[in-house]
Structure formats: structure tokens, C-alpha cells
Amino acid sequence: MWPTVIWQGTQLVLYYIGEDESDVEVRETRGIDFEEFFLHLDRGGSIFVTMKPMNRRPEPEVPWKEEATSELLRDYA
């Protein structure tokens, strides 16, 4: 009945929280199964959803960047 929705380029972190403090299930996923989502809520549970950035390519090193930054800082010191 409810769809599973997928987010491209984003990693979701879902915390399914039960009645007890120790009843927490953490899932990292790209999609939400809304049937399970609403079923958990109907049973009295709570859900916290947040986003975790996907791994991105590292920035290329710029040899002059550190040198230019130190020169700017020296001028304002």
C-alpha cells in the first residue's frame, strides 16, 4: 500500500525507538519503507530521521592554498 521512497545521493539514518531505553534500532539506508515506518508508529514507537552525506571525492590539493592563507593571516596579525 505504501511505497518505498529512495533518495539519490543521500544516506538516511533512521532510529527506530521502542518503549525501553535499550530498544533502539539504527538503520543506514537510502530509502524509507513507509509501511514499516507507519506500523512502528502505530505500535507506539518513535522514529528519528536524519541525513548522512554520501562519500564525496576528496578535494584536490592546491599547493598555494596553505601558503596564501598564512600570508593573509600574517597581514592581519
C-alpha atoms as a PDB file:
ATOM      1  CA  MET A   1       0.000   0.000   0.000  1.00  0.00           C
ATOM      2  CA  TRP A   2       2.763   2.496   0.954  1.00  0.00           C
ATOM      3  CA  PRO A   3       5.748   2.938  -1.365  1.00  0.00           C
ATOM      4  CA  THR A   4       9.424   2.649  -0.532  1.00  0.00           C
ATOM      5  CA  VAL A   5      10.982   6.022  -1.347  1.00  0.00           C
ATOM      6  CA  ILE A   6      14.643   6.280  -2.380  1.00  0.00           C
ATOM      7  CA  TRP A   7      16.782   9.441  -2.104  1.00  0.00           C
ATOM      8  CA  GLN A   8      19.643   9.633  -4.602  1.00  0.00           C
ATOM      9  CA  GLY A   9      22.978  10.954  -3.336  1.00  0.00           C
ATOM     10  CA  THR A  10      21.921  10.885   0.315  1.00  0.00           C
ATOM     11  CA  GLN A  11      22.335   8.344   3.074  1.00  0.00           C
ATOM     12  CA  LEU A  12      19.488   8.374   5.584  1.00  0.00           C
ATOM     13  CA  VAL A  13      19.910   7.296   9.196  1.00  0.00           C
ATOM     14  CA  LEU A  14      16.702   6.078  10.848  1.00  0.00           C
ATOM     15  CA  TYR A  15      16.447   5.494  14.587  1.00  0.00           C
ATOM     16  CA  TYR A  16      13.514   3.213  15.424  1.00  0.00           C
ATOM     17  CA  ILE A  17      12.889   3.813  19.128  1.00  0.00           C
ATOM     18  CA  GLY A  18      10.758   1.479  21.253  1.00  0.00           C
ATOM     19  CA  GLU A  19       9.330   1.780  24.739  1.00  0.00           C
ATOM     20  CA  ASP A  20      12.534   0.836  26.592  1.00  0.00           C
ATOM     21  CA  GLU A  21      15.722   2.933  26.557  1.00  0.00           C
ATOM     22  CA  SER A  22      17.637  -0.041  25.201  1.00  0.00           C
ATOM     23  CA  ASP A  23      15.087  -0.685  22.444  1.00  0.00           C
ATOM     24  CA  VAL A  24      16.715   1.358  19.669  1.00  0.00           C
ATOM     25  CA  GLU A  25      17.410   0.105  16.172  1.00  0.00           C
ATOM     26  CA  VAL A  26      19.639   2.210  13.911  1.00  0.00           C
ATOM     27  CA  ARG A  27      19.477   1.758  10.144  1.00  0.00           C
ATOM     28  CA  GLU A  28      21.522   3.480   7.472  1.00  0.00           C
ATOM     29  CA  THR A  29      19.699   3.371   4.170  1.00  0.00           C
ATOM     30  CA  ARG A  30      18.895   5.312   1.018  1.00  0.00           C
ATOM     31  CA  GLY A  31      15.171   4.648   1.257  1.00  0.00           C
ATOM     32  CA  ILE A  32      12.269   4.537   3.667  1.00  0.00           C
ATOM     33  CA  ASP A  33       9.778   1.689   3.700  1.00  0.00           C
ATOM     34  CA  PHE A  34       6.716   3.706   4.705  1.00  0.00           C
ATOM     35  CA  GLU A  35       4.611   0.651   5.502  1.00  0.00           C
ATOM     36  CA  GLU A  36       7.131  -0.384   8.178  1.00  0.00           C
ATOM     37  CA  PHE A  37       7.594   3.264   9.192  1.00  0.00           C
ATOM     38  CA  PHE A  38       3.900   3.821   9.952  1.00  0.00           C
ATOM     39  CA  LEU A  39       3.484   0.370  11.505  1.00  0.00           C
ATOM     40  CA  HIS A  40       6.218   1.202  14.035  1.00  0.00           C
ATOM     41  CA  LEU A  41       4.487   4.499  14.853  1.00  0.00           C
ATOM     42  CA  ASP A  42       1.087   2.776  15.188  1.00  0.00           C
ATOM     43  CA  ARG A  43       2.624   0.392  17.748  1.00  0.00           C
ATOM     44  CA  GLY A  44       3.602   3.380  19.915  1.00  0.00           C
ATOM     45  CA  GLY A  45       7.229   3.662  18.826  1.00  0.00           C
ATOM     46  CA  SER A  46       9.096   6.778  17.791  1.00  0.00           C
ATOM     47  CA  ILE A  47      11.303   7.398  14.783  1.00  0.00           C
ATOM     48  CA  PHE A  48      14.085   9.930  14.352  1.00  0.00           C
ATOM     49  CA  VAL A  49      15.316  10.513  10.796  1.00  0.00           C
ATOM     50  CA  THR A  50      18.479  12.357   9.835  1.00  0.00           C
ATOM     51  CA  MET A  51      20.725  12.531   6.782  1.00  0.00           C
ATOM     52  CA  LYS A  52      24.341  11.474   6.455  1.00  0.00           C
ATOM     53  CA  PRO A  53      26.256  12.838   3.463  1.00  0.00           C
ATOM     54  CA  MET A  54      27.428  10.232   0.963  1.00  0.00           C
ATOM     55  CA  ASN A  55      31.168   9.867   0.440  1.00  0.00           C
ATOM     56  CA  ARG A  56      32.350  12.580  -1.874  1.00  0.00           C
ATOM     57  CA  ARG A  57      35.529  12.730  -3.852  1.00  0.00           C
ATOM     58  CA  PRO A  58      38.323  14.337  -1.845  1.00  0.00           C
ATOM     59  CA  GLU A  59      39.212  17.868  -2.837  1.00  0.00           C
ATOM     60  CA  PRO A  60      42.374  18.070  -4.914  1.00  0.00           C
ATOM     61  CA  GLU A  61      45.300  19.559  -3.049  1.00  0.00           C
ATOM     62  CA  VAL A  62      46.179  23.099  -4.034  1.00  0.00           C
ATOM     63  CA  PRO A  63      49.847  23.779  -3.223  1.00  0.00           C
ATOM     64  CA  TRP A  64      49.430  27.543  -2.975  1.00  0.00           C
ATOM     65  CA  LYS A  65      46.343  27.409  -0.728  1.00  0.00           C
ATOM     66  CA  GLU A  66      48.172  26.960   2.599  1.00  0.00           C
ATOM     67  CA  GLU A  67      50.848  29.494   1.663  1.00  0.00           C
ATOM     68  CA  ALA A  68      48.263  32.128   0.671  1.00  0.00           C
ATOM     69  CA  THR A  69      46.268  31.562   3.851  1.00  0.00           C
ATOM     70  CA  SER A  70      49.346  32.006   6.067  1.00  0.00           C
ATOM     71  CA  GLU A  71      50.236  35.225   4.227  1.00  0.00           C
ATOM     72  CA  LEU A  72      46.723  36.587   4.791  1.00  0.00           C
ATOM     73  CA  LEU A  73      46.843  35.706   8.466  1.00  0.00           C
ATOM     74  CA  ARG A  74      50.270  37.317   8.839  1.00  0.00           C
ATOM     75  CA  ASP A  75      48.938  40.559   7.322  1.00  0.00           C
ATOM     76  CA  TYR A  76      46.131  40.718   9.895  1.00  0.00           C
ATOM     77  CA  ALA A  77      48.223  39.715  12.910  1.00  0.00           C
END
